[in-house]
C-alpha atoms as a PDB file:
ATOM      1  CA  MET A   1     106.048  88.262 126.692  1.00  0.00           C
ATOM      2  CA  ASN A   2     105.406  88.444 122.789  1.00  0.00           C
ATOM      3  CA  GLN A   3     101.431  88.382 122.370  1.00  0.00           C
ATOM      4  CA  LEU A   4      99.699  89.592 118.848  1.00  0.00           C
ATOM      5  CA  ASN A   5      96.026  90.801 118.613  1.00  0.00           C
ATOM      6  CA  PHE A   6      93.899  92.170 116.035  1.00  0.00           C
ATOM      7  CA  VAL A   7      90.149  92.154 114.630  1.00  0.00           C
ATOM      8  CA  GLY A   8      89.779  91.859 110.501  1.00  0.00           C
ATOM      9  CA  ASN A   9      88.594  89.971 107.550  1.00  0.00           C
ATOM     10  CA  LEU A  10      89.553  86.563 105.703  1.00  0.00           C
ATOM     11  CA  GLY A  11      91.307  87.258 102.349  1.00  0.00           C
ATOM     12  CA  ASN A  12      90.413  83.648 101.655  1.00  0.00           C
ATOM     13  CA  ASP A  13      89.229  80.019 103.010  1.00  0.00           C
ATOM     14  CA  ALA A  14      91.628  78.363 105.722  1.00  0.00           C
ATOM     15  CA  GLU A  15      93.862  75.825 104.062  1.00  0.00           C
ATOM     16  CA  VAL A  16      95.049  72.482 105.727  1.00  0.00           C
ATOM     17  CA  ARG A  17      97.813  70.577 105.247  1.00  0.00           C
ATOM     18  CA  TYR A  18      99.385  67.953 106.175  1.00  0.00           C
ATOM     19  CA  THR A  19     103.254  67.530 107.507  1.00  0.00           C
ATOM     20  CA  ALA A  20     104.965  64.037 106.016  1.00  0.00           C
ATOM     21  CA  ASP A  21     104.096  62.886 109.891  1.00  0.00           C
ATOM     22  CA  GLY A  22     100.529  63.541 109.725  1.00  0.00           C
ATOM     23  CA  LYS A  23     100.469  66.518 111.624  1.00  0.00           C
ATOM     24  CA  ALA A  24      97.610  68.909 110.712  1.00  0.00           C
ATOM     25  CA  ILE A  25      98.282  72.623 109.468  1.00  0.00           C
ATOM     26  CA  THR A  26      95.813  75.254 109.531  1.00  0.00           C
ATOM     27  CA  SER A  27      96.546  78.565 107.500  1.00  0.00           C
ATOM     28  CA  TRP A  28      94.421  81.484 106.969  1.00  0.00           C
ATOM     29  CA  SER A  29      95.041  85.643 105.700  1.00  0.00           C
ATOM     30  CA  VAL A  30      93.211  88.207 107.520  1.00  0.00           C
ATOM     31  CA  ALA A  31      93.162  91.814 105.975  1.00  0.00           C
ATOM     32  CA  LEU A  32      94.001  94.732 108.514  1.00  0.00           C
ATOM     33  CA  LYS A  33      92.955  97.710 107.330  1.00  0.00           C
ATOM     34  CA  SER A  34      94.273 100.895 108.275  1.00  0.00           C
ATOM     35  CA  GLY A  35      93.548 104.894 108.319  1.00  0.00           C
ATOM     36  CA  PHE A  36      90.282 106.063 105.871  1.00  0.00           C
ATOM     37  CA  GLY A  37      89.545 108.107 102.847  1.00  0.00           C
ATOM     38  CA  LYS A  38      92.799 108.309 100.139  1.00  0.00           C
ATOM     39  CA  SER A  39      95.434 107.262 103.190  1.00  0.00           C
ATOM     40  CA  GLU A  40      93.701 104.061 103.664  1.00  0.00           C
ATOM     41  CA  LYS A  41      96.248 101.251 103.653  1.00  0.00           C
ATOM     42  CA  THR A  42      95.586  97.534 104.143  1.00  0.00           C
ATOM     43  CA  ASN A  43      97.942  95.612 106.049  1.00  0.00           C
ATOM     44  CA  TRP A  44      97.817  91.417 105.240  1.00  0.00           C
ATOM     45  CA  VAL A  45      98.484  88.785 108.494  1.00  0.00           C
ATOM     46  CA  ARG A  46      98.863  85.161 107.440  1.00  0.00           C
ATOM     47  CA  CYS A  47      97.844  82.845 110.719  1.00  0.00           C
ATOM     48  CA  SER A  48      98.977  79.646 111.302  1.00  0.00           C
ATOM     49  CA  MET A  49      97.412  77.217 113.327  1.00  0.00           C
ATOM     50  CA  PHE A  50      98.526  73.328 114.233  1.00  0.00           C
ATOM     51  CA  GLY A  51      96.759  70.359 115.064  1.00  0.00           C
ATOM     52  CA  GLU A  52      93.412  69.406 115.487  1.00  0.00           C
ATOM     53  CA  ARG A  53      91.724  72.207 116.484  1.00  0.00           C
ATOM     54  CA  GLY A  54      92.380  73.859 113.424  1.00  0.00           C
ATOM     55  CA  THR A  55      91.073  71.136 111.659  1.00  0.00           C
ATOM     56  CA  LYS A  56      88.091  72.072 113.526  1.00  0.00           C
ATOM     57  CA  VAL A  57      87.384  75.107 113.066  1.00  0.00           C
ATOM     58  CA  SER A  58      89.202  75.140 109.266  1.00  0.00           C
ATOM     59  CA  MET A  59      84.886  75.228 108.437  1.00  0.00           C
ATOM     60  CA  TYR A  60      84.213  78.074 109.959  1.00  0.00           C
ATOM     61  CA  LEU A  61      86.886  80.349 108.032  1.00  0.00           C
ATOM     62  CA  THR A  62      86.154  81.805 105.120  1.00  0.00           C
ATOM     63  CA  LYS A  63      86.621  84.104 102.510  1.00  0.00           C
ATOM     64  CA  GLY A  64      84.914  87.540 104.279  1.00  0.00           C
ATOM     65  CA  ALA A  65      84.660  86.561 107.735  1.00  0.00           C
ATOM     66  CA  GLN A  66      85.336  88.472 110.161  1.00  0.00           C
ATOM     67  CA  VAL A  67      88.276  86.658 113.104  1.00  0.00           C
ATOM     68  CA  ALA A  68      89.611  87.986 116.011  1.00  0.00           C
ATOM     69  CA  VAL A  69      93.325  86.742 116.141  1.00  0.00           C
ATOM     70  CA  SER A  70      95.114  86.582 119.549  1.00  0.00           C
ATOM     71  CA  GLY A  71      98.385  84.289 119.551  1.00  0.00           C
ATOM     72  CA  GLU A  72     102.294  84.564 119.056  1.00  0.00           C
ATOM     73  CA  LEU A  73     104.573  87.038 116.356  1.00  0.00           C
ATOM     74  CA  SER A  74     106.819  85.676 114.177  1.00  0.00           C
ATOM     75  CA  LEU A  75     108.600  87.168 111.504  1.00  0.00           C
ATOM     76  CA  ASN A  76     110.436  84.771 109.198  1.00  0.00           C
ATOM     77  CA  GLU A  77     112.515  86.425 106.000  1.00  0.00           C
ATOM     78  CA  TYR A  78     113.080  84.848 102.663  1.00  0.00           C
ATOM     79  CA  THR A  79     114.901  86.396  99.291  1.00  0.00           C
ATOM     80  CA  ASN A  80     113.126  87.012  96.116  1.00  0.00           C
ATOM     81  CA  LYS A  81     114.185  85.881  93.007  1.00  0.00           C
ATOM     82  CA  GLN A  82     115.433  89.104  92.619  1.00  0.00           C
ATOM     83  CA  GLY A  83     117.806  88.484  95.382  1.00  0.00           C
ATOM     84  CA  GLU A  84     115.569  91.356  98.142  1.00  0.00           C
ATOM     85  CA  ASN A  85     114.913  90.471 101.075  1.00  0.00           C
ATOM     86  CA  LYS A  86     111.773  90.124 102.686  1.00  0.00           C
ATOM     87  CA  ALA A  87     109.893  89.756 105.917  1.00  0.00           C
ATOM     88  CA  SER A  88     106.325  88.188 106.578  1.00  0.00           C
END
């Protein structure tokens, strides 16, 4: 089973986009902090929600708000302009 659960703070307001056939995609980024002091680091997780439910919750997903996310993990790989592979 591929299940991911985490709590963090939103880095920006949720963004709602629409596909060519009119389906809504709501996206937002969540900051996950780990460690403390000089060893503290922040990892960013990009989240997406499809359909009308995402459109409805987007008004509550504002920068700085604390959120709990539960869903399926999907890693996407891309190549940047320098030809380096990156995972997102």
